[in-house]
Amino acid sequence: MLSEPFENCHQVRWPDVLDMRKEQPPKTDRKKLPADINCFACRHFFITYDQHYPYGCRAVGFKSRVMPSKEMSANSGIECQLFSAKEKNG
C-alpha cells in the first residue's frame, strides 16, 4: 500500500544528479561585477559640510563618513536601489 502513491514518481539516477552539478553557472569574479554606483551622479546625494559626516543621501535620510552607496551595500549586502541620475542642463 505504501508504494502506490510513488508508482508514478520519476526516479532520479546518480548520473543525472552529477550532470546537474556541471550545469551550474560559473562563479563571478570582481572584474565581471557591475561598476560601483557613483553617488556624485545621483540626484539624492548631497555634501553636508559636517566635518565628521561629509556625505549624505536624501532618499534614505542619513549622513555618512563614506559614500552613501558604499554604506548601504556594507549594511544591507546589496547595492543601492534608490539611485536616480541627475538631470543635465542643456
Foldseek 3Di string as FASTA:
>chain_A
DVCVVVPPPDDDDPVVVVVVVVPDDDDDDPVPDDDADDLVQFPQWDADPPPQFGIDGNVVGDTHNDHPQVVVCVVPVDGDPPGDGDDDDD
